[in-house]
Amino acid sequence: MKKIIWLLVVSMFVFSCGSSKKTSSKRVKGSTKTERVVKDTRTKPNSPKETPKETVVIEKTPERVPTSTDDYIAIFAPIAQEEMRLYGIPASITLAQGILESASGKGRLAVEANNHFGIKCHEWTGARIYHDDDASQECFRKYNDAKYSYRDHSLFLTGRSRYQKLFQLNIHDYQSWAKELRAAGYATDRRYPEKLIS
């Protein structure tokens, strides 16, 4: 009997000394991403006083292709609103441009390159996709995630002097923003402002 008890105590000790990792998954409300948090409570053998560290690993889930313009707005409105807070570009204008340029997220550039604004390569050194636009097989920027397309759109407008007049306009005056975007040369289509406004 003593041998059995001794064997149980030793096996409990051996199993309790193994690595103690806790994993939990959580889905952010309204998001298409799943975030997995791995808590590693082990300490390094050479530093027993070290506090446990938490490592966050964001796993990318497949992008959801919007089924309608309303669906597009539901998916990308939070990103456009964050860009408005950070860069002063009306979320309504950003969403209208995304809807127009990406065919509500269903266009080739949006689906294959996460490029929702038709931003061409210019001085871009990242991944590329070639697509017929004003000319045959023009170079467009390719992003790992659509949110980077939204950020690049903000940086594109704030970083070029020809768009500086936009930032003197009232952030709630989307009609003036639409007209000034065309005047500054964002698009060649003469009806671009009307399309954005509608």
Protein backbone atom coordinates (compact mmCIF):
# COMPACT_ATOMS: atom_id res chain seq x y z
CA MET A 1 0.00 0.00 0.00
CA LYS A 2 2.87 2.37 0.83
CA LYS A 3 4.38 1.70 -2.61
CA ILE A 4 1.10 2.64 -4.35
CA ILE A 5 0.76 5.88 -2.36
CA TRP A 6 4.43 6.69 -2.98
CA LEU A 7 3.95 6.02 -6.72
CA LEU A 8 0.89 8.31 -6.85
CA VAL A 9 2.71 11.16 -5.04
CA VAL A 10 5.74 10.89 -7.33
CA SER A 11 3.61 10.78 -10.50
CA MET A 12 1.56 13.80 -9.34
CA PHE A 13 4.80 15.69 -8.71
CA VAL A 14 6.22 14.76 -12.13
CA PHE A 15 3.06 15.81 -14.00
CA SER A 16 2.70 19.08 -12.08
CA CYS A 17 6.27 20.15 -12.96
CA GLY A 18 5.62 20.05 -16.70
CA SER A 19 5.15 23.21 -18.74
CA SER A 20 2.13 25.22 -17.72
CA LYS A 21 0.77 27.01 -20.73
CA LYS A 22 -2.73 28.35 -20.81
CA THR A 23 -4.37 29.12 -24.11
CA SER A 24 -7.53 31.02 -24.70
CA SER A 25 -9.22 32.26 -27.82
CA LYS A 26 -11.43 35.26 -28.10
CA ARG A 27 -13.29 36.86 -30.97
CA VAL A 28 -13.41 40.65 -31.04
CA LYS A 29 -16.99 41.89 -31.51
CA GLY A 30 -17.67 42.89 -35.11
CA SER A 31 -14.29 41.65 -36.26
CA THR A 32 -13.32 38.95 -38.71
CA LYS A 33 -10.07 38.27 -36.89
CA THR A 34 -9.50 35.67 -34.18
CA GLU A 35 -6.94 36.47 -31.54
CA ARG A 36 -5.21 33.69 -29.63
CA VAL A 37 -3.52 34.65 -26.39
CA VAL A 38 -0.89 32.30 -25.05
CA LYS A 39 0.08 32.79 -21.42
CA ASP A 40 3.44 31.25 -20.63
CA THR A 41 3.82 30.95 -16.86
CA ARG A 42 7.16 29.18 -16.98
CA THR A 43 10.27 30.94 -15.75
CA LYS A 44 13.69 30.56 -17.25
CA PRO A 45 15.98 28.20 -15.27
CA ASN A 46 18.72 30.85 -15.04
CA SER A 47 16.40 33.54 -13.68
CA PRO A 48 14.00 32.14 -11.07
CA LYS A 49 12.87 35.63 -10.02
CA GLU A 50 11.65 36.55 -13.51
CA THR A 51 7.94 37.24 -13.68
CA PRO A 52 5.76 35.22 -16.09
CA LYS A 53 5.40 36.74 -19.56
CA GLU A 54 2.32 36.90 -21.76
CA THR A 55 2.77 36.50 -25.48
CA VAL A 56 0.03 37.66 -27.84
CA VAL A 57 -0.18 35.90 -31.19
CA ILE A 58 -2.70 37.27 -33.69
CA GLU A 59 -3.80 34.62 -36.11
CA LYS A 60 -5.21 35.90 -39.36
CA THR A 61 -8.48 34.36 -40.41
CA PRO A 62 -9.64 34.40 -44.04
CA GLU A 63 -10.87 37.78 -45.19
CA ARG A 64 -14.62 38.11 -45.47
CA VAL A 65 -15.74 39.41 -48.85
CA PRO A 66 -18.65 41.82 -48.35
CA THR A 67 -21.89 40.72 -49.98
CA SER A 68 -23.36 44.23 -50.28
CA THR A 69 -22.53 47.89 -49.78
CA ASP A 70 -24.22 47.78 -46.35
CA ASP A 71 -22.06 44.79 -45.46
CA TYR A 72 -18.96 46.67 -46.63
CA ILE A 73 -19.86 49.60 -44.38
CA ALA A 74 -20.46 47.30 -41.40
CA ILE A 75 -17.05 45.67 -41.85
CA PHE A 76 -14.93 48.74 -42.59
CA ALA A 77 -16.67 51.62 -40.75
CA PRO A 78 -14.68 51.05 -37.51
CA ILE A 79 -11.40 51.23 -39.46
CA ALA A 80 -12.51 54.41 -41.31
CA GLN A 81 -13.57 56.00 -38.02
CA GLU A 82 -10.20 55.23 -36.44
CA GLU A 83 -8.43 56.75 -39.45
CA MET A 84 -10.62 59.86 -39.05
CA ARG A 85 -9.57 60.18 -35.39
CA LEU A 86 -5.90 59.77 -36.25
CA TYR A 87 -5.61 61.68 -39.54
CA GLY A 88 -8.62 64.03 -39.82
CA ILE A 89 -10.08 62.49 -42.97
CA PRO A 90 -13.89 62.15 -42.81
CA ALA A 91 -14.87 58.50 -42.33
CA SER A 92 -17.74 59.06 -44.76
CA ILE A 93 -15.28 60.10 -47.51
CA THR A 94 -12.91 57.22 -46.76
CA LEU A 95 -15.79 54.72 -46.89
CA ALA A 96 -17.25 56.29 -50.04
CA GLN A 97 -13.86 56.06 -51.75
CA GLY A 98 -13.43 52.46 -50.59
CA ILE A 99 -16.90 51.54 -51.86
CA LEU A 100 -16.34 53.25 -55.21
CA GLU A 101 -12.75 52.14 -55.82
CA SER A 102 -13.22 48.52 -54.68
CA ALA A 103 -16.77 47.88 -55.95
CA SER A 104 -17.87 47.47 -52.32
CA GLY A 105 -14.95 45.11 -51.64
CA LYS A 106 -15.71 42.79 -54.57
CA GLY A 107 -13.25 44.19 -57.14
CA ARG A 108 -10.12 42.29 -58.13
CA LEU A 109 -7.72 44.68 -56.38
CA ALA A 110 -9.68 44.42 -53.11
CA VAL A 111 -10.08 40.64 -53.24
CA GLU A 112 -6.59 39.70 -54.46
CA ALA A 113 -4.50 42.57 -53.09
CA ASN A 114 -6.54 44.08 -50.20
CA ASN A 115 -6.19 47.37 -52.10
CA HIS A 116 -9.47 49.20 -51.51
CA PHE A 117 -8.43 52.59 -52.91
CA GLY A 118 -6.76 51.81 -56.20
CA ILE A 119 -3.44 53.19 -54.96
CA LYS A 120 -0.76 52.61 -57.59
CA CYS A 121 2.82 51.62 -56.85
CA HIS A 122 4.60 54.99 -57.29
CA GLU A 123 7.60 54.67 -54.90
CA TRP A 124 6.17 51.51 -53.29
CA THR A 125 8.70 48.77 -52.45
CA GLY A 126 6.24 46.18 -51.10
CA ALA A 127 4.22 43.46 -52.84
CA ARG A 128 2.57 44.38 -56.15
CA ILE A 129 -0.27 43.36 -58.39
CA TYR A 130 -0.70 44.29 -62.07
CA HIS A 131 -4.11 45.35 -63.28
CA ASP A 132 -5.59 47.15 -66.29
CA ASP A 133 -6.70 50.68 -65.35
CA ASP A 134 -5.97 53.86 -67.32
CA ALA A 135 -3.32 51.81 -69.14
CA SER A 136 -2.70 48.08 -69.55
CA GLN A 137 -1.14 46.18 -66.64
CA GLU A 138 -0.46 49.08 -64.30
CA CYS A 139 1.28 48.44 -61.00
CA PHE A 140 -0.84 48.59 -57.83
CA ARG A 141 0.09 48.16 -54.18
CA LYS A 142 -0.71 44.84 -52.50
CA TYR A 143 -1.39 44.58 -48.75
CA ASN A 144 -1.48 41.68 -46.30
CA ASP A 145 -4.69 43.01 -44.75
CA ALA A 146 -7.31 45.57 -45.80
CA LYS A 147 -6.62 47.69 -42.70
CA TYR A 148 -3.18 48.48 -44.13
CA SER A 149 -4.85 49.72 -47.30
CA TYR A 150 -6.92 52.12 -45.17
CA ARG A 151 -3.82 53.32 -43.32
CA ASP A 152 -1.90 53.79 -46.58
CA HIS A 153 -4.84 55.81 -47.93
CA SER A 154 -4.58 58.13 -44.89
CA LEU A 155 -0.81 58.44 -45.28
CA PHE A 156 -1.21 58.99 -49.03
CA LEU A 157 -3.53 61.98 -48.49
CA THR A 158 -1.70 63.50 -45.52
CA GLY A 159 1.76 63.02 -47.00
CA ARG A 160 1.29 64.75 -50.36
CA SER A 161 1.24 68.51 -50.63
CA ARG A 162 -1.37 68.54 -53.39
CA TYR A 163 -3.97 67.28 -50.88
CA GLN A 164 -3.20 69.80 -48.12
CA LYS A 165 -6.14 72.02 -49.05
CA LEU A 166 -8.44 69.17 -48.00
CA PHE A 167 -7.36 69.53 -44.38
CA GLN A 168 -8.49 73.17 -44.30
CA LEU A 169 -12.06 72.02 -45.00
CA ASN A 170 -14.62 71.22 -42.31
CA ILE A 171 -14.39 67.53 -41.45
CA HIS A 172 -18.21 67.29 -41.61
CA ASP A 173 -18.44 68.85 -45.09
CA TYR A 174 -18.12 65.65 -47.12
CA GLN A 175 -19.36 67.35 -50.30
CA SER A 176 -16.47 69.84 -50.29
CA TRP A 177 -14.05 67.00 -49.53
CA ALA A 178 -15.40 65.03 -52.51
CA LYS A 179 -14.98 68.01 -54.86
CA GLU A 180 -11.51 68.92 -53.59
CA LEU A 181 -10.28 65.33 -53.98
CA ARG A 182 -11.09 65.52 -57.70
CA ALA A 183 -9.61 69.03 -57.99
CA ALA A 184 -6.39 67.83 -56.35
CA GLY A 185 -6.09 65.05 -58.93
CA TYR A 186 -7.04 61.95 -56.93
CA ALA A 187 -9.16 60.64 -59.82
CA THR A 188 -9.40 61.36 -63.53
CA ASP A 189 -13.17 60.78 -63.68
CA ARG A 190 -14.95 64.17 -63.92
CA ARG A 191 -17.97 62.70 -62.13
CA TYR A 192 -15.87 61.41 -59.21
CA PRO A 193 -17.25 63.96 -56.69
CA GLU A 194 -20.86 63.15 -57.61
CA LYS A 195 -20.19 59.42 -57.33
CA LEU A 196 -18.64 59.85 -53.88
CA ILE A 197 -21.49 62.07 -52.70
CA SER A 198 -24.14 59.64 -53.93
